[in-house]
Amino acid sequence: MRRLGVEPFERARRFLHTEARPLERTLFAFRFERGASERVVAELQRFANDDGGFGNALEPDVRTPSSSALATALALRTLEDLDAPAEHPVVRRAIDWLVSTYDADAQAWRVVPPDANDHPHAPWWHEEGGSLARIFDGFRVIPRALIVGLLHRFGAHLPAARLDEVTEATVSCVEGLEVLGEGGGSDLEYVVRLARTEAVPESYRRRLIARIRAAIPEVVEQDPGNWSTYCVTPLRAVPSPDSIGADLIAPELEANLDWLIDRQCPDGAWDPTWDYPYRGGMAGARTEWRGILTLETLTTLRAFGRIEGPQ
C-alpha cells in the first residue's frame, strides 16, 4: 500500500498556500491545520451576491458574476462541511435564494443562469436553444439532488409538504434513470451526497442507497489506463472508506489510491483529468482547478489513511 510521503505532502501544502485561491487555502488550514471556520466563511462570502445566492466563478468553469443554483449549492455544501448552523445568516440567505428561484412547474432549478454565455465559460456550460436542459435532463439530478439534500439539512423552516414533494420527485427520478453516473459522474456524486444526508428521511435514503449500489459496479471505470480521462473513477464514486458501495470495489479503490499518489505534479499539485485548453478569459481557471483538486486529493488520501505522518 502506497502512502503520500512527508516531502510530497509538504509540496502540496506549499502549492496550496502560494498558488490556490484564498478559499482553498483557508479550507486546507481548516481541515489540516486547525484553522478557523470563520476564515473559510469570510472567503466564501467573496463569491456571494446581494440577492443571497453565489456566483462570481465559485465554480471556475462558469465566470458569470450572477448567482446560480450550481454555485449556491456548492457554497452551501462547503458550509455543511464546516457544520455551519441553519440559522447562520449566510446559510439562511442562500437557502432563501434557492427557494425563490425554484421552478415549481419543472420541479427543478436551472443549473446556471442564461447570462453565463455572456462571460467566459467552458464549452459544456454553453447554452444554445435549450441545450443545457437537454444535456442535464431537465436539471432533475444536477443540481437538484445536491440542493434537495441541502434543503433537508438547512431548511427546517420550509413547508414540509413542499420539501417532501421535491424529494419524492428527485428520488423517483434517480430510481428511473437508465444510467446513474454519466460522464464524469457528477450526478452519482450528488446522489451519494443526498443519500448520506442524515436529515433526509430514512425511507428515501434506503431507496437511494439501493440505486447507488446497483450503479457503482456498472459505471465505475476499472481500467487504470482510462483513469486519466474524464470518467467515473473508483474514488469519484466512493470518496471515503465509509461511503456507499466501498465494499463493492475495494480492490479498485486501493489501486486508484496508488494511481492518485503517482499523479502528483512536481510542484505538488494535481492536474485536471479533463481535456480543455484554458485560454483567454478562462486562463486562470486551470490554476483554480488545480487548487481545488489538490485539496480534494489530500482530503481523500487522508480519509483512506494514505498520508504519512501527522496531519
Protein backbone atom coordinates (compact mmCIF):
# COMPACT_ATOMS: atom_id res chain seq x y z
CA MET A 1 0.00 0.00 0.00
CA ARG A 2 1.46 3.32 -1.12
CA ARG A 3 1.35 6.46 1.04
CA LEU A 4 1.98 10.09 0.22
CA GLY A 5 5.28 10.86 1.91
CA VAL A 6 6.12 13.80 4.12
CA GLU A 7 8.00 15.68 1.41
CA PRO A 8 5.27 15.27 -1.27
CA PHE A 9 2.70 16.39 1.29
CA GLU A 10 4.78 19.48 2.04
CA ARG A 11 4.97 20.26 -1.68
CA ALA A 12 1.20 20.07 -1.88
CA ARG A 13 0.90 22.28 1.18
CA ARG A 14 3.23 24.88 -0.36
CA PHE A 15 1.28 24.84 -3.61
CA LEU A 16 -1.99 25.45 -1.80
CA HIS A 17 -0.57 28.26 0.32
CA THR A 18 1.05 30.03 -2.64
CA GLU A 19 -0.99 29.23 -5.77
CA ALA A 20 -4.52 28.23 -4.74
CA ARG A 21 -7.40 30.62 -4.22
CA PRO A 22 -7.75 32.03 -0.71
CA LEU A 23 -10.87 29.88 -0.30
CA GLU A 24 -8.96 26.64 -0.83
CA ARG A 25 -6.11 27.94 1.35
CA THR A 26 -8.43 28.53 4.28
CA LEU A 27 -10.20 25.22 3.69
CA PHE A 28 -6.85 23.45 3.79
CA ALA A 29 -5.98 25.27 7.00
CA PHE A 30 -9.35 24.29 8.48
CA ARG A 31 -9.04 20.61 7.53
CA PHE A 32 -5.33 20.07 8.15
CA GLU A 33 -4.02 22.89 10.36
CA ARG A 34 -6.84 23.57 12.82
CA GLY A 35 -7.68 26.79 11.03
CA ALA A 36 -10.79 28.75 11.97
CA SER A 37 -14.02 28.02 10.12
CA GLU A 38 -14.83 31.72 10.27
CA ARG A 39 -11.96 32.43 7.88
CA VAL A 40 -13.42 29.96 5.39
CA VAL A 41 -16.82 31.62 5.62
CA ALA A 42 -15.24 35.03 5.10
CA GLU A 43 -13.52 33.86 1.91
CA LEU A 44 -16.65 32.07 0.73
CA GLN A 45 -18.65 35.26 1.11
CA ARG A 46 -16.46 36.90 -1.52
CA PHE A 47 -18.40 34.82 -4.05
CA ALA A 48 -21.81 35.85 -2.67
CA ASN A 49 -24.19 38.35 -4.22
CA ASP A 50 -26.60 40.82 -2.66
CA ASP A 51 -29.51 38.51 -3.53
CA GLY A 52 -28.12 35.81 -1.20
CA GLY A 53 -27.02 33.47 -3.95
CA PHE A 54 -23.48 32.67 -5.06
CA GLY A 55 -21.71 33.12 -8.38
CA ASN A 56 -18.56 35.05 -9.32
CA ALA A 57 -16.71 31.97 -10.62
CA LEU A 58 -17.00 29.95 -7.44
CA GLU A 59 -17.25 27.12 -9.99
CA PRO A 60 -14.21 28.07 -12.09
CA ASP A 61 -15.70 27.00 -15.42
CA VAL A 62 -18.65 29.43 -15.10
CA ARG A 63 -17.32 33.00 -14.79
CA THR A 64 -20.61 34.93 -14.69
CA PRO A 65 -20.95 37.11 -11.58
CA SER A 66 -24.67 36.29 -11.40
CA SER A 67 -25.97 33.86 -8.81
CA SER A 68 -26.54 30.30 -9.96
CA ALA A 69 -28.09 27.21 -8.45
CA LEU A 70 -24.81 25.39 -9.08
CA ALA A 71 -22.58 27.89 -7.27
CA THR A 72 -25.07 28.40 -4.44
CA ALA A 73 -25.32 24.65 -3.87
CA LEU A 74 -21.53 24.34 -3.87
CA ALA A 75 -21.28 27.16 -1.34
CA LEU A 76 -23.85 25.52 0.92
CA ARG A 77 -22.04 22.20 0.57
CA THR A 78 -18.93 23.88 1.94
CA LEU A 79 -20.93 25.43 4.77
CA GLU A 80 -22.35 22.00 5.56
CA ASP A 81 -18.83 20.58 5.74
CA LEU A 82 -17.99 23.36 8.20
CA ASP A 83 -21.01 22.25 10.28
CA ALA A 84 -22.49 25.73 9.97
CA PRO A 85 -25.85 26.13 11.74
CA ALA A 86 -29.03 26.53 9.74
CA GLU A 87 -29.61 29.92 11.34
CA HIS A 88 -26.28 31.31 10.10
CA PRO A 89 -27.19 34.41 8.06
CA VAL A 90 -25.14 33.32 5.03
CA VAL A 91 -26.85 29.92 5.07
CA ARG A 92 -30.32 31.35 5.57
CA ARG A 93 -29.96 33.86 2.72
CA ALA A 94 -28.62 31.19 0.35
CA ILE A 95 -31.49 28.84 1.20
CA ASP A 96 -33.98 31.66 0.69
CA TRP A 97 -32.42 32.37 -2.72
CA LEU A 98 -32.81 28.74 -3.74
CA VAL A 99 -36.43 28.71 -2.60
CA SER A 100 -37.16 31.91 -4.56
CA THR A 101 -35.61 30.54 -7.77
CA TYR A 102 -37.27 27.11 -7.69
CA ASP A 103 -39.23 26.31 -10.86
CA ALA A 104 -42.35 24.68 -9.47
CA ASP A 105 -43.58 23.54 -12.88
CA ALA A 106 -40.33 21.74 -13.68
CA GLN A 107 -39.74 20.83 -10.02
CA ALA A 108 -36.09 21.79 -10.51
CA TRP A 109 -33.51 24.56 -10.56
CA ARG A 110 -31.80 25.79 -13.72
CA VAL A 111 -28.13 24.92 -13.19
CA VAL A 112 -26.56 28.19 -14.41
CA PRO A 113 -28.19 31.48 -15.46
CA PRO A 114 -28.71 32.43 -19.12
CA ASP A 115 -26.09 35.18 -18.89
CA ALA A 116 -23.36 32.55 -18.42
CA ASN A 117 -22.98 32.78 -22.21
CA ASP A 118 -22.01 36.46 -21.86
CA HIS A 119 -18.99 35.67 -19.71
CA PRO A 120 -16.03 33.30 -20.09
CA HIS A 121 -17.17 29.71 -19.65
CA ALA A 122 -16.17 26.18 -20.55
CA PRO A 123 -17.94 24.81 -23.65
CA TRP A 124 -20.00 22.31 -21.67
CA TRP A 125 -21.77 25.21 -19.94
CA HIS A 126 -22.75 26.96 -23.18
CA GLU A 127 -26.48 27.43 -23.73
CA GLU A 128 -27.85 27.12 -27.24
CA GLY A 129 -31.60 26.80 -27.71
CA GLY A 130 -32.26 24.89 -24.50
CA SER A 131 -29.19 22.68 -24.85
CA LEU A 132 -28.35 22.68 -21.14
CA ALA A 133 -31.79 21.40 -20.17
CA ARG A 134 -31.41 18.60 -22.72
CA ILE A 135 -27.88 17.71 -21.64
CA PHE A 136 -28.81 17.72 -17.96
CA ASP A 137 -32.17 16.01 -18.40
CA GLY A 138 -34.21 18.95 -17.25
CA PHE A 139 -31.88 19.53 -14.27
CA ARG A 140 -33.64 16.71 -12.41
CA VAL A 141 -30.42 15.36 -10.87
CA ILE A 142 -27.85 18.10 -11.49
CA PRO A 143 -28.21 20.28 -9.50
CA ARG A 144 -31.47 19.13 -7.90
CA ALA A 145 -30.16 16.12 -5.96
CA LEU A 146 -27.50 18.22 -4.26
CA ILE A 147 -29.93 21.03 -3.47
CA VAL A 148 -32.58 18.73 -2.00
CA GLY A 149 -30.09 17.33 0.49
CA LEU A 150 -29.08 20.85 1.48
CA LEU A 151 -32.71 21.87 1.95
CA HIS A 152 -33.19 18.96 4.35
CA ARG A 153 -30.00 19.92 6.20
CA PHE A 154 -30.65 23.66 6.41
CA GLY A 155 -34.32 24.24 5.56
CA ALA A 156 -36.17 23.30 8.74
CA HIS A 157 -38.27 26.45 8.29
CA LEU A 158 -39.51 25.33 4.86
CA PRO A 159 -43.01 23.86 4.33
CA ALA A 160 -42.70 20.11 4.94
CA ALA A 161 -45.16 19.19 2.19
CA ARG A 162 -43.24 21.06 -0.50
CA LEU A 163 -39.91 19.60 0.61
CA ASP A 164 -41.40 16.11 0.61
CA GLU A 165 -42.80 16.69 -2.88
CA VAL A 166 -39.47 17.67 -4.42
CA THR A 167 -37.68 14.90 -2.52
CA GLU A 168 -40.04 12.24 -3.84
CA ALA A 169 -39.69 13.63 -7.35
CA THR A 170 -35.90 13.51 -7.07
CA VAL A 171 -35.72 10.01 -5.63
CA SER A 172 -38.19 8.66 -8.19
CA CYS A 173 -36.15 10.24 -10.96
CA VAL A 174 -32.94 8.64 -9.67
CA GLU A 175 -34.64 5.25 -9.47
CA GLY A 176 -35.83 5.57 -13.05
CA LEU A 177 -32.50 6.60 -14.61
CA GLU A 178 -31.18 4.16 -17.17
CA VAL A 179 -27.63 5.15 -16.18
CA LEU A 180 -26.59 6.80 -12.92
CA GLY A 181 -23.04 8.03 -13.40
CA GLU A 182 -22.98 9.76 -16.76
CA GLY A 183 -19.79 11.41 -18.00
CA GLY A 184 -17.53 12.20 -15.09
CA GLY A 185 -20.09 11.12 -12.53
CA SER A 186 -21.28 14.39 -11.01
CA ASP A 187 -24.83 13.01 -10.97
CA LEU A 188 -23.69 9.97 -8.99
CA GLU A 189 -21.66 12.21 -6.67
CA TYR A 190 -24.69 14.39 -5.95
CA VAL A 191 -26.97 11.41 -5.34
CA VAL A 192 -24.43 9.88 -2.94
CA ARG A 193 -24.32 13.16 -1.07
CA LEU A 194 -28.13 13.20 -0.85
CA ALA A 195 -28.26 9.59 0.37
CA ARG A 196 -25.69 10.33 3.09
CA THR A 197 -27.53 13.39 4.43
CA GLU A 198 -28.81 12.31 7.81
CA ALA A 199 -31.61 14.86 7.77
CA VAL A 200 -33.20 13.13 4.77
CA PRO A 201 -35.90 10.67 5.90
CA GLU A 202 -34.66 7.09 6.10
CA SER A 203 -37.27 5.81 3.64
CA TYR A 204 -35.79 7.99 0.90
CA ARG A 205 -32.21 7.18 1.84
CA ARG A 206 -32.84 3.43 1.61
CA ARG A 207 -34.17 3.78 -1.92
CA LEU A 208 -31.21 5.91 -2.97
CA ILE A 209 -28.67 3.56 -1.42
CA ALA A 210 -30.16 0.63 -3.34
CA ARG A 211 -29.88 2.55 -6.62
CA ILE A 212 -26.33 3.68 -5.87
CA ARG A 213 -25.16 0.17 -5.01
CA ALA A 214 -26.66 -1.13 -8.23
CA ALA A 215 -24.97 1.63 -10.26
CA ILE A 216 -21.43 1.50 -8.90
CA PRO A 217 -20.34 -1.84 -10.41
CA GLU A 218 -21.84 -0.79 -13.75
CA VAL A 219 -20.40 2.71 -14.16
CA VAL A 220 -17.09 2.78 -12.28
CA GLU A 221 -14.15 2.64 -14.66
CA GLN A 222 -11.97 -0.26 -13.52
CA ASP A 223 -9.19 0.06 -16.11
CA PRO A 224 -6.35 2.23 -14.71
CA GLY A 225 -5.43 3.10 -18.28
CA ASN A 226 -8.61 5.19 -18.51
CA TRP A 227 -8.41 6.97 -15.15
CA SER A 228 -6.56 9.91 -16.69
CA THR A 229 -9.68 10.63 -18.77
CA TYR A 230 -12.88 12.28 -17.58
CA CYS A 231 -14.62 9.18 -16.22
CA VAL A 232 -16.16 7.75 -13.06
CA THR A 233 -13.05 6.64 -11.22
CA PRO A 234 -13.46 4.41 -8.15
CA LEU A 235 -12.67 7.34 -5.85
CA ARG A 236 -15.15 9.61 -7.61
CA ALA A 237 -17.89 7.13 -6.77
CA VAL A 238 -16.57 6.22 -3.30
CA PRO A 239 -14.64 9.21 -1.88
CA SER A 240 -14.18 7.83 1.63
CA PRO A 241 -13.90 4.38 3.26
CA ASP A 242 -17.37 4.67 4.81
CA SER A 243 -19.07 5.84 1.62
CA ILE A 244 -21.83 3.82 -0.02
CA GLY A 245 -20.53 0.89 -2.06
CA ALA A 246 -16.96 0.86 -0.75
CA ASP A 247 -17.29 -2.89 -0.19
CA LEU A 248 -18.23 -3.43 -3.83
CA ILE A 249 -14.98 -2.11 -5.34
CA ALA A 250 -12.41 -2.45 -2.56
CA PRO A 251 -9.50 -3.64 -4.80
CA GLU A 252 -10.22 -0.91 -7.35
CA LEU A 253 -10.19 1.73 -4.63
CA GLU A 254 -6.77 0.63 -3.40
CA ALA A 255 -5.40 0.67 -6.95
CA ASN A 256 -6.93 4.09 -7.62
CA LEU A 257 -5.31 5.49 -4.46
CA ASP A 258 -1.90 4.23 -5.61
CA TRP A 259 -2.52 5.77 -9.04
CA LEU A 260 -3.57 9.08 -7.48
CA ILE A 261 -0.39 9.32 -5.43
CA ASP A 262 1.65 8.75 -8.58
CA ARG A 263 -0.23 11.55 -10.39
CA GLN A 264 1.17 14.35 -8.22
CA CYS A 265 2.95 17.02 -10.26
CA PRO A 266 6.46 18.25 -9.42
CA ASP A 267 5.07 21.48 -7.94
CA GLY A 268 2.92 19.45 -5.51
CA ALA A 269 -0.43 19.91 -7.24
CA TRP A 270 -2.80 17.57 -9.07
CA ASP A 271 -3.98 18.44 -12.57
CA PRO A 272 -7.49 18.16 -14.02
CA THR A 273 -8.12 14.96 -15.96
CA TRP A 274 -10.49 16.60 -18.43
CA ASP A 275 -9.12 17.95 -21.69
CA TYR A 276 -9.85 21.64 -22.20
CA PRO A 277 -7.41 24.38 -23.32
CA TYR A 278 -7.85 27.04 -20.65
CA ARG A 279 -7.00 30.22 -22.56
CA GLY A 280 -8.15 33.81 -22.86
CA GLY A 281 -10.74 34.72 -20.24
CA MET A 282 -10.53 31.18 -18.90
CA ALA A 283 -6.76 31.16 -18.41
CA GLY A 284 -6.92 31.46 -14.63
CA ALA A 285 -9.47 28.66 -14.24
CA ARG A 286 -6.91 25.90 -14.67
CA THR A 287 -4.86 27.12 -11.68
CA GLU A 288 -8.06 27.45 -9.67
CA TRP A 289 -8.99 23.88 -10.54
CA ARG A 290 -5.53 22.66 -9.58
CA GLY A 291 -6.03 24.16 -6.12
CA ILE A 292 -9.47 22.59 -5.76
CA LEU A 293 -8.26 19.18 -6.94
CA THR A 294 -5.16 19.27 -4.76
CA LEU A 295 -7.26 19.97 -1.69
CA GLU A 296 -9.77 17.24 -2.65
CA THR A 297 -6.95 14.76 -3.27
CA LEU A 298 -5.29 15.38 0.08
CA THR A 299 -8.66 15.09 1.81
CA THR A 300 -9.34 11.76 0.09
CA LEU A 301 -5.87 10.36 0.77
CA ARG A 302 -6.16 11.22 4.45
CA ALA A 303 -9.62 9.64 4.67
CA PHE A 304 -8.12 6.36 3.44
CA GLY A 305 -5.05 6.61 5.69
CA ARG A 306 -2.74 7.19 2.74
CA ILE A 307 -0.68 10.14 4.07
CA GLU A 308 2.42 9.57 6.16
CA GLY A 309 2.93 11.39 9.43
CA PRO A 310 0.53 13.56 11.42
CA GLN A 311 -1.90 15.87 9.61
